[in-house]
Protein backbone atom coordinates (compact mmCIF):
# COMPACT_ATOMS: atom_id res chain seq x y z
CA UNK A 1 47.83 211.31 69.76
CA UNK A 2 49.06 207.71 69.66
CA UNK A 3 49.44 206.10 66.25
CA UNK A 4 47.46 203.02 65.30
CA UNK A 5 50.81 201.14 65.22
CA UNK A 6 51.56 202.06 68.81
CA UNK A 7 48.02 201.16 69.96
CA UNK A 8 48.31 197.78 68.21
CA UNK A 9 51.64 197.06 69.93
CA UNK A 10 50.12 197.89 73.32
CA UNK A 11 47.08 195.68 72.61
CA UNK A 12 49.34 192.85 71.50
CA UNK A 13 51.47 193.22 74.66
CA UNK A 14 48.39 193.12 76.89
CA UNK A 15 47.21 189.99 75.10
CA UNK A 16 50.57 188.30 75.09
CA UNK A 17 51.49 188.75 78.80
CA UNK A 18 48.35 187.03 80.26
CA UNK A 19 48.58 184.29 77.58
CA UNK A 20 52.27 183.65 78.31
CA UNK A 21 51.69 183.64 82.06
CA UNK A 22 48.88 181.10 81.52
CA UNK A 23 51.21 178.94 79.43
CA UNK A 24 53.83 179.08 82.21
CA UNK A 25 51.21 178.03 84.81
CA UNK A 26 50.16 175.15 82.65
CA UNK A 27 53.82 174.01 82.32
CA UNK A 28 54.22 174.20 86.14
CA UNK A 29 51.08 172.10 86.73
CA UNK A 30 52.31 169.58 84.15
CA UNK A 31 55.55 169.11 86.04
CA UNK A 32 53.65 168.75 89.32
CA UNK A 33 51.32 166.20 87.67
CA UNK A 34 54.35 164.19 86.51
CA UNK A 35 55.72 164.30 90.09
CA UNK A 36 52.44 162.92 91.38
CA UNK A 37 52.34 160.20 88.73
CA UNK A 38 55.86 159.19 89.75
CA UNK A 39 55.54 159.11 93.52
CA UNK A 40 51.87 158.22 93.73
CA UNK A 41 50.58 161.62 94.91
CA UNK A 42 49.02 162.50 98.21
CA UNK A 43 46.31 159.83 97.96
CA UNK A 44 48.97 157.20 97.48
CA UNK A 45 50.82 158.58 100.45
CA UNK A 46 47.68 158.43 102.65
CA UNK A 47 47.08 154.80 101.56
CA UNK A 48 50.26 153.83 103.53
CA UNK A 49 48.42 154.92 106.73
CA UNK A 50 51.40 155.51 108.98
CA UNK A 51 55.08 155.37 109.35
CA UNK A 52 57.90 154.95 111.89
CA UNK A 53 61.49 155.86 111.29
CA UNK A 54 64.79 157.10 112.82
CA UNK A 55 65.43 160.76 112.28
CA UNK A 56 69.06 161.88 112.44
CA UNK A 57 69.81 165.66 112.43
CA UNK A 58 73.37 167.00 112.13
CA UNK A 59 73.28 170.74 112.77
CA UNK A 60 75.97 173.17 114.00
CA UNK A 61 78.18 170.27 114.96
CA UNK A 62 75.57 168.57 117.06
CA UNK A 63 73.81 165.30 116.28
CA UNK A 64 70.36 164.37 117.48
CA UNK A 65 68.77 160.98 116.87
CA UNK A 66 65.09 160.55 117.41
CA UNK A 67 62.50 157.87 116.90
CA UNK A 68 59.42 159.17 115.07
CA UNK A 69 55.89 157.92 114.52
CA UNK A 70 53.45 159.57 112.17
CA UNK A 71 49.75 158.78 111.48
CA UNK A 72 48.87 160.38 108.23
CA UNK A 73 45.18 161.02 108.53
CA UNK A 74 44.83 163.69 111.15
CA UNK A 75 48.60 164.26 111.07
CA UNK A 76 49.19 162.83 114.59
CA UNK A 77 52.84 162.46 115.57
CA UNK A 78 55.18 161.29 118.31
CA UNK A 79 58.94 161.97 118.71
CA UNK A 80 61.22 160.40 121.26
CA UNK A 81 64.81 161.30 121.90
CA UNK A 82 67.46 161.86 124.54
CA UNK A 83 67.64 165.61 125.04
CA UNK A 84 67.15 168.67 127.21
CA UNK A 85 64.28 171.09 127.89
CA UNK A 86 64.68 174.08 130.20
CA UNK A 87 67.92 172.56 131.62
CA UNK A 88 66.15 169.26 132.45
CA UNK A 89 67.72 166.30 130.70
CA UNK A 90 66.35 162.88 129.96
CA UNK A 91 64.21 160.94 127.52
CA UNK A 92 61.89 163.47 125.92
CA UNK A 93 58.67 162.57 124.22
CA UNK A 94 56.75 165.15 122.16
CA UNK A 95 53.26 164.30 120.98
CA UNK A 96 50.83 166.12 118.77
CA UNK A 97 47.28 164.71 118.57
CA UNK A 98 44.38 166.50 116.97
CA UNK A 99 46.55 169.67 116.90
CA UNK A 100 47.14 169.64 120.64
CA UNK A 101 50.65 169.09 122.04
CA UNK A 102 52.07 167.38 125.01
CA UNK A 103 55.57 166.68 126.30
CA UNK A 104 57.17 164.50 128.97
CA UNK A 105 60.77 164.00 130.32
CA UNK A 106 61.50 160.52 131.68
CA UNK A 107 57.68 159.94 131.62
CA UNK A 108 57.01 162.96 133.80
CA UNK A 109 54.44 165.18 132.06
CA UNK A 110 55.29 168.84 131.55
CA UNK A 111 52.38 171.17 132.26
CA UNK A 112 53.62 174.53 130.99
CA UNK A 113 51.89 175.90 127.86
CA UNK A 114 55.20 176.56 126.15
CA UNK A 115 56.10 172.86 126.18
CA UNK A 116 52.74 172.06 124.55
CA UNK A 117 53.30 174.64 121.85
CA UNK A 118 56.86 173.43 121.28
CA UNK A 119 55.56 169.87 120.75
CA UNK A 120 53.02 170.92 118.11
CA UNK A 121 55.41 173.17 116.25
CA UNK A 122 58.48 170.86 116.24
CA UNK A 123 56.47 167.76 115.37
CA UNK A 124 54.67 169.59 112.53
CA UNK A 125 58.01 170.47 110.98
CA UNK A 126 59.10 166.82 111.02
CA UNK A 127 55.74 165.81 109.47
CA UNK A 128 56.15 168.42 106.79
CA UNK A 129 59.63 167.53 105.75
CA UNK A 130 58.64 163.83 105.50
CA UNK A 131 55.48 164.52 103.44
CA UNK A 132 56.42 167.74 101.55
CA UNK A 133 56.79 166.24 98.12
CA UNK A 134 53.31 164.73 98.37
CA UNK A 135 51.70 168.04 99.07
CA UNK A 136 53.00 170.19 96.24
CA UNK A 137 49.76 169.76 94.18
CA UNK A 138 47.57 170.80 97.07
CA UNK A 139 44.73 173.22 96.06
CA UNK A 140 46.30 175.76 98.37
CA UNK A 141 49.43 176.07 96.21
CA UNK A 142 50.05 178.56 93.43
CA UNK A 143 52.79 177.57 90.89
CA UNK A 144 54.49 179.25 87.95
CA UNK A 145 57.13 178.00 85.54
CA UNK A 146 60.42 179.93 85.53
CA UNK A 147 62.40 178.22 82.78
CA UNK A 148 65.47 176.00 83.02
CA UNK A 149 68.80 175.96 84.87
CA UNK A 150 71.69 173.59 84.59
CA UNK A 151 73.12 172.20 87.80
CA UNK A 152 76.18 169.91 87.23
CA UNK A 153 75.13 167.88 84.15
CA UNK A 154 71.35 168.11 84.59
CA UNK A 155 69.11 170.78 82.99
CA UNK A 156 66.40 171.33 85.53
CA UNK A 157 62.95 172.82 85.03
CA UNK A 158 62.23 175.46 87.66
CA UNK A 159 58.88 176.14 89.31
CA UNK A 160 58.14 178.83 91.84
CA UNK A 161 55.50 177.64 94.28
CA UNK A 162 53.62 179.55 96.99
CA UNK A 163 51.41 178.07 99.68
CA UNK A 164 48.40 180.33 99.61
CA UNK A 165 47.68 180.35 103.33
CA UNK A 166 44.66 182.64 102.84
CA UNK A 167 42.91 179.34 102.12
CA UNK A 168 44.33 177.77 105.25
CA UNK A 169 43.56 180.48 107.83
CA UNK A 170 47.24 181.53 107.94
CA UNK A 171 48.62 185.07 107.93
CA UNK A 172 51.61 184.69 105.51
CA UNK A 173 52.82 182.70 102.54
CA UNK A 174 55.95 180.49 102.18
CA UNK A 175 57.73 180.62 98.85
CA UNK A 176 59.65 177.72 97.21
CA UNK A 177 61.74 177.34 94.06
CA UNK A 178 61.57 173.70 92.90
CA UNK A 179 64.08 172.05 90.56
CA UNK A 180 62.42 169.16 88.63
CA UNK A 181 64.69 166.44 87.25
CA UNK A 182 63.59 165.86 83.62
CA UNK A 183 64.48 162.15 83.80
CA UNK A 184 63.05 161.15 87.14
CA UNK A 185 60.34 163.86 87.45
CA UNK A 186 61.34 164.28 91.05
CA UNK A 187 62.44 167.46 92.85
CA UNK A 188 66.16 167.07 93.41
CA UNK A 189 66.77 170.58 94.64
CA UNK A 190 64.67 173.34 96.22
CA UNK A 191 65.04 176.75 97.79
CA UNK A 192 62.73 178.34 100.31
CA UNK A 193 62.36 181.70 101.87
CA UNK A 194 61.53 183.11 105.27
CA UNK A 195 57.74 183.30 105.84
CA UNK A 196 56.40 186.08 103.66
CA UNK A 197 59.87 186.42 102.08
CA UNK A 198 61.13 186.41 98.53
CA UNK A 199 62.67 183.10 97.48
CA UNK A 200 64.27 184.57 94.33
CA UNK A 201 65.91 187.60 95.97
CA UNK A 202 66.57 186.28 99.43
CA UNK A 203 66.34 182.50 99.87
CA UNK A 204 66.74 181.15 103.40
CA UNK A 205 68.11 177.79 102.37
CA UNK A 206 68.98 175.56 99.39
CA UNK A 207 68.24 171.85 99.84
CA UNK A 208 69.53 168.86 97.94
CA UNK A 209 67.35 165.73 98.32
CA UNK A 210 68.18 162.08 97.83
CA UNK A 211 65.29 159.57 97.66
CA UNK A 212 64.85 155.98 98.73
CA UNK A 213 61.81 153.91 97.67
CA UNK A 214 60.39 152.08 100.72
CA UNK A 215 57.28 149.95 100.28
CA UNK A 216 56.43 151.92 97.15
CA UNK A 217 56.80 155.35 98.81
CA UNK A 218 59.52 157.83 97.72
CA UNK A 219 61.11 158.78 101.00
CA UNK A 220 63.31 161.93 101.05
CA UNK A 221 65.95 159.83 102.83
CA UNK A 222 68.69 162.45 102.87
CA UNK A 223 68.45 166.24 102.84
CA UNK A 224 71.55 168.52 102.76
CA UNK A 225 70.72 172.07 103.65
CA UNK A 226 72.90 175.00 102.60
CA UNK A 227 72.71 178.73 103.56
CA UNK A 228 74.19 181.88 102.10
CA UNK A 229 77.24 183.27 103.91
CA UNK A 230 78.18 186.99 104.09
CA UNK A 231 79.76 186.70 100.68
CA UNK A 232 76.56 185.23 99.19
CA UNK A 233 78.16 181.80 98.80
CA UNK A 234 76.25 178.64 99.62
CA UNK A 235 77.73 176.74 102.62
CA UNK A 236 76.56 173.57 104.27
CA UNK A 237 74.21 174.21 107.21
CA UNK A 238 72.71 170.86 108.17
CA UNK A 239 72.28 167.22 107.18
CA UNK A 240 69.08 165.38 107.92
CA UNK A 241 68.23 161.70 107.26
CA UNK A 242 65.34 159.31 107.55
CA UNK A 243 66.34 155.75 108.08
CA UNK A 244 64.81 152.37 109.25
CA UNK A 245 61.62 153.54 107.59
CA UNK A 246 58.58 151.24 107.89
CA UNK A 247 55.03 152.06 106.65
CA UNK A 248 51.60 150.70 107.61
CA UNK A 249 52.26 149.66 111.15
CA UNK A 250 48.62 149.65 112.20
CA UNK A 251 48.95 152.64 114.49
CA UNK A 252 45.90 154.27 115.92
CA UNK A 253 45.42 157.69 117.56
CA UNK A 254 45.90 156.06 120.99
CA UNK A 255 49.45 155.12 120.07
CA UNK A 256 50.33 158.84 120.00
CA UNK A 257 49.00 159.90 123.38
CA UNK A 258 51.51 160.37 126.25
């Protein structure tokens, strides 16, 4: 028979764990709130209406430069670059309007379904990287505070964040580990996992972000992506930059149709 002392300790443990978890969740939400207060939050982002910019990707020794347009409400997008699709080279345009994709090469429309899916998927990734920091307080996110970690001379606060796709008609969750700068309240570093993966045990990438304020918007102007090699050491895997950024251009949905 268990002693009263043992029972008391068990009761205390069951009380402490939920209370401590709740405290950690409050700390995480406080950090996200400070981020929103600093960058204006998603409503502030939407108020800029639209954006155009040059997107430069350096990956595996190859550089691609594209011209991008995004219309925030409805998340319509248009990407234009010199490239190749199914061994056909030329000026490629990828559009995503109302969730439906289209693609052309040298103004010749492609009719295959794969091209349409590629347009939606690829454009959605660009839209996400551009707007990510404004979506971290979305109701579909679940966050928890994981303490502090020093990187170089900065003691960062760490928050694990999961996009709960059960609220978004998705089948799996993405996981992120966010590093909040205590001075700027911005996320300088983040890790993310494969879909439905574990960001703490097996992160897919580690990303360092540098911001530039353009027309009052904190643009993630430079992202340096690192991956783990066979020796579990972080090595550079890609460099991505947004430049020539201009908001509120007066775009309408028609500006994104091919």
